[in-house]
Amino acid sequence: MSRDLTGFAALARAAMGVTPRGARALIALAGPPASGKSTLAPRLAQAMTKAGRPAQVVPMDGFHMDDAVLTDRGLLPRKGSPETFDLRGFTRFVTDLASGGEVFHPIFDRRREIAIGQAGVVPADCACVIVEGNYLLLDEPGWRDLGALWDLSIYLPVPADVLEQRLLARWTRHGLTPDAARAKAGGNDLPNGTRVASALLPPDIYYKEPAS
């Protein structure tokens, strides 16, 4: 049954208390684009490591298909949607994580918009991996099978208007004009976010930051 949590200390306690079914604990941190996953994940890993449970973050972004493949498939304009990820490879990777030992993984270079193969490594002594990504709890064929692999699943619900503001700020920081940023957010990121929210496997935790 899902529960609501507010406040980082409560979330950290929940993460510290997770019981792994495999050799290491696997925590899914899911949410739409610009929901705050990439900020929260390393903060949570640092808190867990400091408390005596070594944790590491692995973003799902490393499993983006290459632009050449997406171009051949007519999917380049939809880069970032579920169809543009190597789901089979990602599923194998998550399964390997649960088995323990040293596990290598690709890392996405956002500046060059490419995934670099085996550029990251989860060491054998890592007790917990926090996987962050949009589609970790997506209730669609293939993707929904990931749900059984997580020892703890966390979802970040964020209102659509807040997501839009964050996305516009993100893309203007990356050098896009305001019009281009609106087109990119409205044509891809926001539809992906709607898809995530409307086809969601029930998470263990809905997490919100306290109102400032």
N, C-alpha and C. Protein backbone atom coordinates (compact mmCIF):
# COMPACT_ATOMS: atom_id res chain seq x y z
N MET A 1 0.84 -1.19 0.00
CA MET A 1 0.00 0.00 0.00
C MET A 1 0.88 1.25 0.00
N SER A 2 0.53 2.21 -0.83
CA SER A 2 1.30 3.45 -0.93
C SER A 2 1.09 4.32 0.30
N ARG A 3 2.11 5.10 0.63
CA ARG A 3 1.98 6.06 1.72
C ARG A 3 2.60 7.38 1.29
N ASP A 4 2.14 8.45 1.89
CA ASP A 4 2.66 9.78 1.61
C ASP A 4 3.71 10.14 2.64
N LEU A 5 4.82 10.70 2.17
CA LEU A 5 5.87 11.19 3.06
C LEU A 5 6.22 12.62 2.68
N THR A 6 6.44 13.43 3.68
CA THR A 6 6.90 14.80 3.48
C THR A 6 8.10 15.04 4.38
N GLY A 7 9.15 15.57 3.81
CA GLY A 7 10.35 15.85 4.60
C GLY A 7 11.44 14.84 4.36
N PHE A 8 12.65 15.35 4.15
CA PHE A 8 13.76 14.49 3.77
C PHE A 8 14.13 13.49 4.86
N ALA A 9 14.07 13.89 6.12
CA ALA A 9 14.45 12.98 7.21
C ALA A 9 13.58 11.73 7.20
N ALA A 10 12.28 11.90 6.96
CA ALA A 10 11.38 10.75 6.92
C ALA A 10 11.70 9.84 5.74
N LEU A 11 12.04 10.45 4.61
CA LEU A 11 12.40 9.65 3.44
C LEU A 11 13.68 8.88 3.67
N ALA A 12 14.67 9.52 4.28
CA ALA A 12 15.94 8.85 4.55
C ALA A 12 15.74 7.68 5.51
N ARG A 13 14.88 7.84 6.50
CA ARG A 13 14.61 6.73 7.42
C ARG A 13 13.97 5.56 6.68
N ALA A 14 13.06 5.85 5.79
CA ALA A 14 12.41 4.78 5.02
C ALA A 14 13.42 4.06 4.14
N ALA A 15 14.32 4.81 3.53
CA ALA A 15 15.33 4.20 2.67
C ALA A 15 16.31 3.35 3.48
N MET A 16 16.69 3.84 4.64
CA MET A 16 17.62 3.09 5.48
C MET A 16 17.00 1.78 5.97
N GLY A 17 15.67 1.75 6.09
CA GLY A 17 15.01 0.57 6.62
C GLY A 17 14.63 -0.47 5.60
N VAL A 18 14.95 -0.25 4.33
CA VAL A 18 14.52 -1.18 3.29
C VAL A 18 15.28 -2.51 3.42
N THR A 19 14.56 -3.60 3.22
CA THR A 19 15.15 -4.93 3.27
C THR A 19 15.35 -5.46 1.86
N PRO A 20 16.58 -5.74 1.45
CA PRO A 20 16.82 -6.22 0.09
C PRO A 20 16.38 -7.67 -0.09
N ARG A 21 15.84 -7.96 -1.25
CA ARG A 21 15.51 -9.34 -1.59
C ARG A 21 16.68 -10.05 -2.24
N GLY A 22 17.61 -9.25 -2.78
CA GLY A 22 18.80 -9.81 -3.41
C GLY A 22 20.04 -9.46 -2.61
N ALA A 23 21.17 -9.38 -3.31
CA ALA A 23 22.44 -9.11 -2.65
C ALA A 23 22.59 -7.66 -2.22
N ARG A 24 21.84 -6.76 -2.86
CA ARG A 24 21.86 -5.35 -2.46
C ARG A 24 20.47 -4.77 -2.64
N ALA A 25 20.20 -3.70 -1.92
CA ALA A 25 18.89 -3.06 -2.00
C ALA A 25 18.80 -2.21 -3.26
N LEU A 26 17.65 -2.26 -3.90
CA LEU A 26 17.40 -1.47 -5.10
C LEU A 26 16.23 -0.53 -4.83
N ILE A 27 16.50 0.76 -4.91
CA ILE A 27 15.49 1.78 -4.68
C ILE A 27 15.21 2.50 -5.99
N ALA A 28 13.95 2.54 -6.39
CA ALA A 28 13.54 3.27 -7.59
C ALA A 28 13.07 4.66 -7.19
N LEU A 29 13.62 5.68 -7.84
CA LEU A 29 13.18 7.06 -7.64
C LEU A 29 12.63 7.55 -8.97
N ALA A 30 11.32 7.61 -9.07
CA ALA A 30 10.67 7.90 -10.35
C ALA A 30 9.88 9.20 -10.28
N GLY A 31 9.61 9.74 -11.46
CA GLY A 31 8.82 10.95 -11.56
C GLY A 31 8.94 11.53 -12.94
N PRO A 32 8.09 12.47 -13.30
CA PRO A 32 8.15 13.08 -14.63
C PRO A 32 9.40 13.92 -14.80
N PRO A 33 9.71 14.33 -16.03
CA PRO A 33 10.86 15.20 -16.26
C PRO A 33 10.74 16.47 -15.42
N ALA A 34 11.85 16.86 -14.78
CA ALA A 34 11.95 18.07 -13.96
C ALA A 34 11.22 17.96 -12.62
N SER A 35 10.98 16.73 -12.17
CA SER A 35 10.32 16.55 -10.87
C SER A 35 11.29 16.63 -9.70
N GLY A 36 12.60 16.64 -9.98
CA GLY A 36 13.59 16.76 -8.92
C GLY A 36 14.34 15.49 -8.60
N LYS A 37 14.24 14.49 -9.46
CA LYS A 37 14.88 13.19 -9.20
C LYS A 37 16.39 13.31 -9.11
N SER A 38 17.00 14.01 -10.06
CA SER A 38 18.46 14.06 -10.11
C SER A 38 19.06 14.89 -8.99
N THR A 39 18.25 15.71 -8.34
CA THR A 39 18.70 16.46 -7.16
C THR A 39 18.52 15.63 -5.89
N LEU A 40 17.39 14.97 -5.79
CA LEU A 40 17.09 14.20 -4.58
C LEU A 40 17.92 12.93 -4.48
N ALA A 41 18.16 12.25 -5.59
CA ALA A 41 18.85 10.95 -5.55
C ALA A 41 20.23 11.02 -4.90
N PRO A 42 21.13 11.93 -5.33
CA PRO A 42 22.44 11.97 -4.67
C PRO A 42 22.37 12.43 -3.22
N ARG A 43 21.40 13.27 -2.92
CA ARG A 43 21.23 13.69 -1.52
C ARG A 43 20.86 12.49 -0.66
N LEU A 44 19.97 11.65 -1.16
CA LEU A 44 19.56 10.47 -0.42
C LEU A 44 20.70 9.47 -0.29
N ALA A 45 21.45 9.27 -1.38
CA ALA A 45 22.59 8.35 -1.33
C ALA A 45 23.64 8.82 -0.33
N GLN A 46 23.89 10.11 -0.30
CA GLN A 46 24.87 10.65 0.63
C GLN A 46 24.43 10.44 2.08
N ALA A 47 23.15 10.66 2.35
CA ALA A 47 22.64 10.48 3.71
C ALA A 47 22.73 9.02 4.14
N MET A 48 22.41 8.11 3.22
CA MET A 48 22.47 6.69 3.56
C MET A 48 23.91 6.24 3.80
N THR A 49 24.82 6.71 2.95
CA THR A 49 26.23 6.34 3.10
C THR A 49 26.78 6.87 4.43
N LYS A 50 26.42 8.10 4.75
CA LYS A 50 26.88 8.70 6.00
C LYS A 50 26.35 7.93 7.21
N ALA A 51 25.15 7.36 7.06
CA ALA A 51 24.53 6.61 8.16
C ALA A 51 25.00 5.16 8.23
N GLY A 52 25.91 4.78 7.35
CA GLY A 52 26.50 3.45 7.42
C GLY A 52 26.00 2.44 6.41
N ARG A 53 25.19 2.89 5.45
CA ARG A 53 24.71 1.97 4.41
C ARG A 53 25.14 2.54 3.06
N PRO A 54 26.31 2.12 2.54
CA PRO A 54 26.84 2.70 1.31
C PRO A 54 25.83 2.61 0.16
N ALA A 55 25.55 3.76 -0.44
CA ALA A 55 24.57 3.83 -1.52
C ALA A 55 25.14 4.61 -2.69
N GLN A 56 24.67 4.29 -3.87
CA GLN A 56 25.14 4.94 -5.09
C GLN A 56 23.95 5.20 -6.00
N VAL A 57 24.05 6.26 -6.79
CA VAL A 57 23.00 6.62 -7.73
C VAL A 57 23.36 6.15 -9.14
N VAL A 58 22.40 5.57 -9.83
CA VAL A 58 22.56 5.24 -11.25
C VAL A 58 21.36 5.82 -12.00
N PRO A 59 21.57 6.81 -12.87
CA PRO A 59 20.47 7.33 -13.67
C PRO A 59 20.12 6.38 -14.81
N MET A 60 18.84 6.28 -15.11
CA MET A 60 18.38 5.47 -16.23
C MET A 60 18.79 6.07 -17.58
N ASP A 61 19.16 7.34 -17.59
CA ASP A 61 19.47 8.05 -18.84
C ASP A 61 20.57 7.38 -19.65
N GLY A 62 21.46 6.63 -19.00
CA GLY A 62 22.54 5.97 -19.73
C GLY A 62 22.04 4.97 -20.75
N PHE A 63 20.78 4.57 -20.65
CA PHE A 63 20.23 3.57 -21.55
C PHE A 63 19.44 4.19 -22.70
N HIS A 64 19.66 5.48 -22.96
CA HIS A 64 19.15 6.11 -24.18
C HIS A 64 19.70 5.38 -25.40
N MET A 65 18.87 5.16 -26.41
CA MET A 65 19.38 4.70 -27.70
C MET A 65 20.17 5.84 -28.35
N ASP A 66 21.12 5.47 -29.20
CA ASP A 66 21.92 6.46 -29.91
C ASP A 66 21.05 7.23 -30.92
N ASP A 67 21.45 8.48 -31.18
CA ASP A 67 20.69 9.30 -32.12
C ASP A 67 20.58 8.67 -33.50
N ALA A 68 21.62 7.95 -33.94
CA ALA A 68 21.58 7.31 -35.26
C ALA A 68 20.48 6.25 -35.30
N VAL A 69 20.34 5.50 -34.23
CA VAL A 69 19.28 4.49 -34.15
C VAL A 69 17.91 5.16 -34.13
N LEU A 70 17.80 6.23 -33.35
CA LEU A 70 16.52 6.94 -33.25
C LEU A 70 16.15 7.56 -34.59
N THR A 71 17.13 8.08 -35.31
CA THR A 71 16.87 8.65 -36.63
C THR A 71 16.34 7.60 -37.59
N ASP A 72 16.99 6.43 -37.58
CA ASP A 72 16.55 5.33 -38.45
C ASP A 72 15.12 4.92 -38.14
N ARG A 73 14.73 5.03 -36.89
CA ARG A 73 13.39 4.59 -36.47
C ARG A 73 12.37 5.73 -36.47
N GLY A 74 12.80 6.92 -36.87
CA GLY A 74 11.90 8.06 -36.88
C GLY A 74 11.52 8.56 -35.50
N LEU A 75 12.37 8.29 -34.52
CA LEU A 75 12.05 8.61 -33.12
C LEU A 75 12.88 9.76 -32.55
N LEU A 76 13.76 10.34 -33.33
CA LEU A 76 14.64 11.37 -32.77
C LEU A 76 13.86 12.54 -32.16
N PRO A 77 12.77 13.01 -32.79
CA PRO A 77 12.02 14.11 -32.16
C PRO A 77 11.39 13.72 -30.82
N ARG A 78 11.26 12.42 -30.57
CA ARG A 78 10.65 11.95 -29.32
C ARG A 78 11.70 11.43 -28.34
N LYS A 79 12.97 11.81 -28.55
CA LYS A 79 14.03 11.35 -27.66
C LYS A 79 13.67 11.67 -26.21
N GLY A 80 13.76 10.64 -25.37
CA GLY A 80 13.37 10.78 -23.97
C GLY A 80 12.06 10.08 -23.65
N SER A 81 11.32 9.69 -24.68
CA SER A 81 10.09 8.92 -24.46
C SER A 81 10.45 7.46 -24.20
N PRO A 82 9.55 6.67 -23.66
CA PRO A 82 9.89 5.27 -23.34
C PRO A 82 10.44 4.48 -24.52
N GLU A 83 9.93 4.75 -25.72
CA GLU A 83 10.36 4.00 -26.90
C GLU A 83 11.80 4.27 -27.30
N THR A 84 12.42 5.29 -26.72
CA THR A 84 13.78 5.66 -27.12
C THR A 84 14.84 5.13 -26.15
N PHE A 85 14.43 4.23 -25.25
CA PHE A 85 15.37 3.62 -24.31
C PHE A 85 15.56 2.14 -24.63
N ASP A 86 16.73 1.62 -24.26
CA ASP A 86 17.02 0.19 -24.39
C ASP A 86 16.43 -0.52 -23.18
N LEU A 87 15.16 -0.82 -23.24
CA LEU A 87 14.47 -1.41 -22.10
C LEU A 87 15.04 -2.79 -21.76
N ARG A 88 15.32 -3.59 -22.77
CA ARG A 88 15.84 -4.93 -22.51
C ARG A 88 17.19 -4.86 -21.80
N GLY A 89 18.08 -4.00 -22.29
CA GLY A 89 19.39 -3.85 -21.66
C GLY A 89 19.27 -3.30 -20.25
N PHE A 90 18.36 -2.35 -20.05
CA PHE A 90 18.17 -1.77 -18.73
C PHE A 90 17.65 -2.81 -17.74
N THR A 91 16.71 -3.64 -18.19
CA THR A 91 16.17 -4.68 -17.32
C THR A 91 17.24 -5.68 -16.91
N ARG A 92 18.09 -6.06 -17.86
CA ARG A 92 19.20 -6.97 -17.53
C ARG A 92 20.13 -6.32 -16.51
N PHE A 93 20.39 -5.04 -16.68
CA PHE A 93 21.28 -4.32 -15.76
C PHE A 93 20.71 -4.32 -14.34
N VAL A 94 19.43 -4.01 -14.20
CA VAL A 94 18.81 -3.99 -12.87
C VAL A 94 18.86 -5.37 -12.23
N THR A 95 18.62 -6.39 -13.03
CA THR A 95 18.70 -7.76 -12.52
C THR A 95 20.11 -8.09 -12.05
N ASP A 96 21.11 -7.65 -12.81
CA ASP A 96 22.50 -7.86 -12.41
C ASP A 96 22.81 -7.14 -11.10
N LEU A 97 22.28 -5.94 -10.94
CA LEU A 97 22.50 -5.20 -9.69
C LEU A 97 22.05 -6.00 -8.49
N ALA A 98 20.87 -6.61 -8.60
CA ALA A 98 20.33 -7.37 -7.48
C ALA A 98 21.18 -8.58 -7.15
N SER A 99 21.93 -9.09 -8.13
CA SER A 99 22.75 -10.28 -7.92
C SER A 99 24.03 -9.97 -7.16
N GLY A 100 24.39 -8.69 -7.05
CA GLY A 100 25.60 -8.31 -6.32
C GLY A 100 26.82 -8.30 -7.21
N GLY A 101 27.97 -8.04 -6.61
CA GLY A 101 29.22 -7.96 -7.35
C GLY A 101 29.38 -6.63 -8.06
N GLU A 102 30.49 -6.49 -8.76
CA GLU A 102 30.78 -5.28 -9.51
C GLU A 102 29.96 -5.26 -10.80
N VAL A 103 29.29 -4.15 -11.05
CA VAL A 103 28.43 -4.05 -12.24
C VAL A 103 28.73 -2.73 -12.95
N PHE A 104 29.05 -2.82 -14.24
CA PHE A 104 29.31 -1.63 -15.05
C PHE A 104 28.01 -1.17 -15.72
N HIS A 105 27.97 0.12 -16.06
CA HIS A 105 26.77 0.66 -16.71
C HIS A 105 27.13 1.88 -17.55
N PRO A 106 26.31 2.19 -18.56
CA PRO A 106 26.56 3.38 -19.38
C PRO A 106 26.14 4.65 -18.65
N ILE A 107 26.74 5.76 -19.06
CA ILE A 107 26.40 7.07 -18.51
C ILE A 107 26.04 7.99 -19.67
N PHE A 108 24.99 8.77 -19.50
CA PHE A 108 24.56 9.70 -20.55
C PHE A 108 25.29 11.02 -20.40
N ASP A 109 25.95 11.45 -21.47
CA ASP A 109 26.64 12.74 -21.52
C ASP A 109 25.67 13.75 -22.11
N ARG A 110 25.05 14.55 -21.27
CA ARG A 110 24.01 15.46 -21.74
C ARG A 110 24.57 16.56 -22.64
N ARG A 111 25.82 16.93 -22.43
CA ARG A 111 26.41 17.98 -23.27
C ARG A 111 26.52 17.52 -24.72
N ARG A 112 26.89 16.24 -24.90
CA ARG A 112 27.03 15.71 -26.26
C ARG A 112 25.82 14.90 -26.71
N GLU A 113 24.86 14.70 -25.80
CA GLU A 113 23.65 13.95 -26.11
C GLU A 113 23.94 12.52 -26.56
N ILE A 114 24.91 11.88 -25.90
CA ILE A 114 25.23 10.49 -26.22
C ILE A 114 25.42 9.70 -24.93
N ALA A 115 25.17 8.39 -25.02
CA ALA A 115 25.45 7.48 -23.91
C ALA A 115 26.83 6.88 -24.10
N ILE A 116 27.62 6.88 -23.04
CA ILE A 116 28.98 6.34 -23.08
C ILE A 116 28.97 4.99 -22.39
N GLY A 117 29.24 3.94 -23.15
CA GLY A 117 29.14 2.58 -22.65
C GLY A 117 30.13 2.28 -21.53
N GLN A 118 29.65 1.61 -20.50
CA GLN A 118 30.47 1.13 -19.38
C GLN A 118 31.33 2.23 -18.77
N ALA A 119 30.79 3.44 -18.72
CA ALA A 119 31.52 4.56 -18.14
C ALA A 119 31.32 4.68 -16.64
N GLY A 120 30.37 3.94 -16.10
CA GLY A 120 30.12 3.95 -14.66
C GLY A 120 30.24 2.55 -14.09
N VAL A 121 30.47 2.48 -12.79
CA VAL A 121 30.59 1.17 -12.15
C VAL A 121 29.99 1.23 -10.75
N VAL A 122 29.24 0.19 -10.41
CA VAL A 122 28.75 -0.01 -9.05
C VAL A 122 29.68 -1.02 -8.40
N PRO A 123 30.45 -0.62 -7.38
CA PRO A 123 31.40 -1.55 -6.78
C PRO A 123 30.71 -2.66 -6.00
N ALA A 124 31.45 -3.72 -5.79
CA ALA A 124 30.87 -4.89 -5.12
C ALA A 124 30.42 -4.59 -3.70
N ASP A 125 31.06 -3.63 -3.04
CA ASP A 125 30.71 -3.34 -1.64
C ASP A 125 29.57 -2.33 -1.49
N CYS A 126 28.96 -1.94 -2.60
CA CYS A 126 27.84 -1.00 -2.54
C CYS A 126 26.59 -1.75 -2.07
N ALA A 127 26.05 -1.34 -0.93
CA ALA A 127 24.93 -2.06 -0.32
C ALA A 127 23.58 -1.68 -0.90
N CYS A 128 23.51 -0.52 -1.56
CA CYS A 128 22.23 -0.03 -2.05
C CYS A 128 22.45 0.80 -3.31
N VAL A 129 21.59 0.62 -4.29
CA VAL A 129 21.63 1.44 -5.50
C VAL A 129 20.30 2.17 -5.64
N ILE A 130 20.39 3.48 -5.81
CA ILE A 130 19.21 4.30 -6.07
C ILE A 130 19.17 4.55 -7.57
N VAL A 131 18.23 3.95 -8.24
CA VAL A 131 18.07 4.13 -9.68
C VAL A 131 17.04 5.25 -9.88
N GLU A 132 17.41 6.27 -10.66
CA GLU A 132 16.47 7.36 -10.89
C GLU A 132 16.14 7.46 -12.37
N GLY A 133 14.86 7.68 -12.66
CA GLY A 133 14.43 7.77 -14.04
C GLY A 133 12.94 8.01 -14.15
N ASN A 134 12.51 8.44 -15.32
CA ASN A 134 11.10 8.76 -15.53
C ASN A 134 10.20 7.54 -15.47
N TYR A 135 10.67 6.41 -16.02
CA TYR A 135 9.75 5.32 -16.36
C TYR A 135 9.92 4.07 -15.50
N LEU A 136 10.49 4.21 -14.34
CA LEU A 136 10.75 3.06 -13.48
C LEU A 136 9.47 2.43 -12.93
N LEU A 137 8.39 3.20 -12.94
CA LEU A 137 7.10 2.69 -12.45
C LEU A 137 6.02 2.81 -13.52
N LEU A 138 6.43 2.79 -14.77
CA LEU A 138 5.49 2.94 -15.88
C LEU A 138 4.68 1.66 -16.06
N ASP A 139 3.37 1.80 -16.03
CA ASP A 139 2.48 0.65 -16.17
C ASP A 139 2.12 0.45 -17.64
N GLU A 140 3.13 0.03 -18.41
CA GLU A 140 2.96 -0.28 -19.82
C GLU A 140 3.73 -1.57 -20.11
N PRO A 141 3.37 -2.27 -21.21
CA PRO A 141 4.04 -3.55 -21.51
C PRO A 141 5.56 -3.43 -21.47
N GLY A 142 6.19 -4.41 -20.84
CA GLY A 142 7.65 -4.42 -20.70
C GLY A 142 8.11 -3.61 -19.51
N TRP A 143 7.70 -2.36 -19.46
CA TRP A 143 8.12 -1.48 -18.38
C TRP A 143 7.56 -1.91 -17.03
N ARG A 144 6.32 -2.38 -17.04
CA ARG A 144 5.71 -2.74 -15.75
C ARG A 144 6.43 -3.90 -15.07
N ASP A 145 7.18 -4.69 -15.84
CA ASP A 145 7.92 -5.80 -15.24
C ASP A 145 9.02 -5.32 -14.31
N LEU A 146 9.46 -4.07 -14.50
CA LEU A 146 10.49 -3.53 -13.61
C LEU A 146 9.97 -3.40 -12.17
N GLY A 147 8.67 -3.22 -12.02
CA GLY A 147 8.12 -2.97 -10.70
C GLY A 147 8.45 -4.04 -9.68
N ALA A 148 8.57 -5.28 -10.14
CA ALA A 148 8.85 -6.39 -9.22
C ALA A 148 10.31 -6.42 -8.79
N LEU A 149 11.16 -5.60 -9.41
CA LEU A 149 12.59 -5.64 -9.11
C LEU A 149 13.00 -4.67 -8.00
N TRP A 150 12.11 -3.74 -7.66
CA TRP A 150 12.48 -2.72 -6.68
C TRP A 150 12.16 -3.18 -5.26
N ASP A 151 13.09 -2.94 -4.35
CA ASP A 151 12.85 -3.19 -2.93
C ASP A 151 12.10 -2.04 -2.28
N LEU A 152 12.23 -0.86 -2.86
CA LEU A 152 11.49 0.32 -2.41
C LEU A 152 11.29 1.21 -3.63
N SER A 153 10.08 1.70 -3.81
CA SER A 153 9.81 2.60 -4.94
C SER A 153 9.26 3.92 -4.42
N ILE A 154 9.81 5.01 -4.96
CA ILE A 154 9.46 6.36 -4.54
C ILE A 154 9.04 7.14 -5.78
N TYR A 155 7.94 7.86 -5.67
CA TYR A 155 7.46 8.68 -6.79
C TYR A 155 7.33 10.12 -6.35
N LEU A 156 7.73 11.04 -7.23
CA LEU A 156 7.69 12.46 -6.94
C LEU A 156 6.56 13.11 -7.72
N PRO A 157 5.41 13.34 -7.10
CA PRO A 157 4.30 14.00 -7.79
C PRO A 157 4.50 15.52 -7.78
N VAL A 158 4.51 16.12 -8.95
CA VAL A 158 4.72 17.56 -9.07
C VAL A 158 3.65 18.12 -10.01
N PRO A 159 2.99 19.22 -9.65
CA PRO A 159 1.96 19.80 -10.53
C PRO A 159 2.52 20.16 -11.91
N ALA A 160 1.67 20.04 -12.92
CA ALA A 160 2.10 20.26 -14.30
C ALA A 160 2.63 21.68 -14.52
N ASP A 161 2.02 22.68 -13.87
CA ASP A 161 2.49 24.04 -14.09
C ASP A 161 3.88 24.26 -13.51
N VAL A 162 4.18 23.58 -12.40
CA VAL A 162 5.53 23.67 -11.82
C VAL A 162 6.54 22.98 -12.72
N LEU A 163 6.17 21.83 -13.25
CA LEU A 163 7.06 21.12 -14.19
C LEU A 163 7.36 22.00 -15.39
N GLU A 164 6.35 22.66 -15.92
CA GLU A 164 6.56 23.50 -17.10
C GLU A 164 7.53 24.63 -16.80
N GLN A 165 7.37 25.28 -15.66
CA GLN A 165 8.28 26.36 -15.28
C GLN A 165 9.72 25.86 -15.18
N ARG A 166 9.89 24.69 -14.55
CA ARG A 166 11.23 24.13 -14.39
C ARG A 166 11.83 23.75 -15.74
N LEU A 167 11.02 23.18 -16.62
CA LEU A 167 11.52 22.76 -17.93
C LEU A 167 11.93 23.96 -18.78
N LEU A 168 11.14 25.01 -18.75
CA LEU A 168 11.51 26.22 -19.50
C LEU A 168 12.82 26.79 -18.98
N ALA A 169 12.98 26.80 -17.66
CA ALA A 169 14.24 27.29 -17.09
C ALA A 169 15.40 26.39 -17.48
N ARG A 170 15.18 25.08 -17.48
CA ARG A 170 16.23 24.13 -17.84
C ARG A 170 16.72 24.36 -19.26
N TRP A 171 15.79 24.45 -20.20
CA TRP A 171 16.20 24.53 -21.61
C TRP A 171 16.76 25.89 -21.97
N THR A 172 16.33 26.95 -21.31
CA THR A 172 16.96 28.24 -21.56
C THR A 172 18.38 28.26 -21.00
N ARG A 173 18.60 27.56 -19.88
CA ARG A 173 19.97 27.44 -19.36
C ARG A 173 20.86 26.69 -20.34
N HIS A 174 20.28 25.78 -21.11
CA HIS A 174 21.04 25.02 -22.10
C HIS A 174 21.21 25.79 -23.41
N GLY A 175 20.78 27.05 -23.44
CA GLY A 175 21.04 27.88 -24.60
C GLY A 175 19.89 28.03 -25.58
N LEU A 176 18.74 27.42 -25.31
CA LEU A 176 17.61 27.56 -26.21
C LEU A 176 16.93 28.92 -26.02
N THR A 177 16.36 29.44 -27.09
CA THR A 177 15.56 30.66 -26.98
C THR A 177 14.27 30.33 -26.22
N PRO A 178 13.59 31.34 -25.69
CA PRO A 178 12.33 31.05 -24.99
C PRO A 178 11.32 30.30 -25.85
N ASP A 179 11.22 30.66 -27.13
CA ASP A 179 10.27 29.96 -28.01
C ASP A 179 10.70 28.51 -28.22
N ALA A 180 12.00 28.29 -28.43
CA ALA A 180 12.49 26.92 -28.63
C ALA A 180 12.32 26.10 -27.36
N ALA A 181 12.53 26.73 -26.21
CA ALA A 181 12.36 26.02 -24.94
C ALA A 181 10.90 25.61 -24.74
N ARG A 182 9.96 26.51 -25.09
CA ARG A 182 8.54 26.16 -24.97
C ARG A 182 8.18 25.03 -25.92
N ALA A 183 8.74 25.07 -27.13
CA ALA A 183 8.45 24.02 -28.10
C ALA A 183 8.98 22.67 -27.63
N LYS A 184 10.19 22.68 -27.07
CA LYS A 184 10.78 21.42 -26.61
C LYS A 184 10.02 20.86 -25.42
N ALA A 185 9.69 21.73 -24.48
CA ALA A 185 8.96 21.27 -23.30
C ALA A 185 7.56 20.78 -23.67
N GLY A 186 6.87 21.56 -24.49
CA GLY A 186 5.50 21.21 -24.84
C GLY A 186 5.38 20.07 -25.82
N GLY A 187 6.41 19.88 -26.65
CA GLY A 187 6.33 18.84 -27.67
C GLY A 187 6.83 17.49 -27.22
N ASN A 188 7.57 17.44 -26.11
CA ASN A 188 8.16 16.17 -25.70
C ASN A 188 8.10 15.96 -24.18
N ASP A 189 8.74 16.84 -23.43
CA ASP A 189 8.88 16.62 -21.98
C ASP A 189 7.54 16.56 -21.26
N LEU A 190 6.68 17.53 -21.52
CA LEU A 190 5.40 17.56 -20.81
C LEU A 190 4.50 16.38 -21.21
N PRO A 191 4.42 16.01 -22.50
CA PRO A 191 3.67 14.79 -22.84
C PRO A 191 4.24 13.54 -22.16
N ASN A 192 5.57 13.47 -22.06
CA ASN A 192 6.17 12.32 -21.36
C ASN A 192 5.77 12.33 -19.89
N GLY A 193 5.74 13.51 -19.30
CA GLY A 193 5.33 13.61 -17.90
C GLY A 193 3.89 13.19 -17.68
N THR A 194 3.02 13.59 -18.61
CA THR A 194 1.62 13.18 -18.54
C THR A 194 1.49 11.67 -18.65
N ARG A 195 2.29 11.10 -19.52
CA ARG A 195 2.27 9.64 -19.70
C ARG A 195 2.70 8.93 -18.43
N VAL A 196 3.73 9.45 -17.79
CA VAL A 196 4.22 8.86 -16.54
C VAL A 196 3.13 8.89 -15.47
N ALA A 197 2.49 10.05 -15.31
CA ALA A 197 1.50 10.21 -14.24
C ALA A 197 0.22 9.42 -14.50
N SER A 198 -0.13 9.23 -15.77
CA SER A 198 -1.40 8.58 -16.09
C SER A 198 -1.29 7.06 -16.17
N ALA A 199 -0.07 6.54 -16.23
CA ALA A 199 0.14 5.08 -16.28
C ALA A 199 1.17 4.70 -15.24
N LEU A 200 0.80 4.86 -13.98
CA LEU A 200 1.74 4.72 -12.87
C LEU A 200 1.44 3.47 -12.05
N LEU A 201 2.44 2.61 -11.90
CA LEU A 201 2.33 1.54 -10.92
C LEU A 201 2.33 2.16 -9.52
N PRO A 202 1.50 1.70 -8.61
CA PRO A 202 1.47 2.31 -7.27
C PRO A 202 2.84 2.22 -6.59
N PRO A 203 3.42 3.35 -6.22
CA PRO A 203 4.72 3.32 -5.54
C PRO A 203 4.55 2.99 -4.06
N ASP A 204 5.64 2.63 -3.44
CA ASP A 204 5.60 2.47 -1.98
C ASP A 204 5.42 3.82 -1.29
N ILE A 205 6.05 4.85 -1.88
CA ILE A 205 6.05 6.18 -1.26
C ILE A 205 5.77 7.25 -2.31
N TYR A 206 4.83 8.13 -2.01
CA TYR A 206 4.69 9.40 -2.72
C TYR A 206 5.43 10.44 -1.86
N TYR A 207 6.45 11.06 -2.44
CA TYR A 207 7.27 11.97 -1.63
C TYR A 207 7.13 13.40 -2.11
N LYS A 208 6.93 14.30 -1.15
CA LYS A 208 6.89 15.73 -1.43
C LYS A 208 7.82 16.47 -0.48
N GLU A 209 8.49 17.47 -1.00
CA GLU A 209 9.28 18.34 -0.14
C GLU A 209 8.33 19.23 0.65
N PRO A 210 8.71 19.59 1.88
CA PRO A 210 7.85 20.50 2.66
C PRO A 210 7.68 21.83 1.94
N ALA A 211 6.52 22.44 2.09
CA ALA A 211 6.28 23.75 1.51
C ALA A 211 7.22 24.77 2.14
N SER A 212 7.83 25.58 1.29
CA SER A 212 8.78 26.58 1.81
C SER A 212 8.06 27.85 2.24
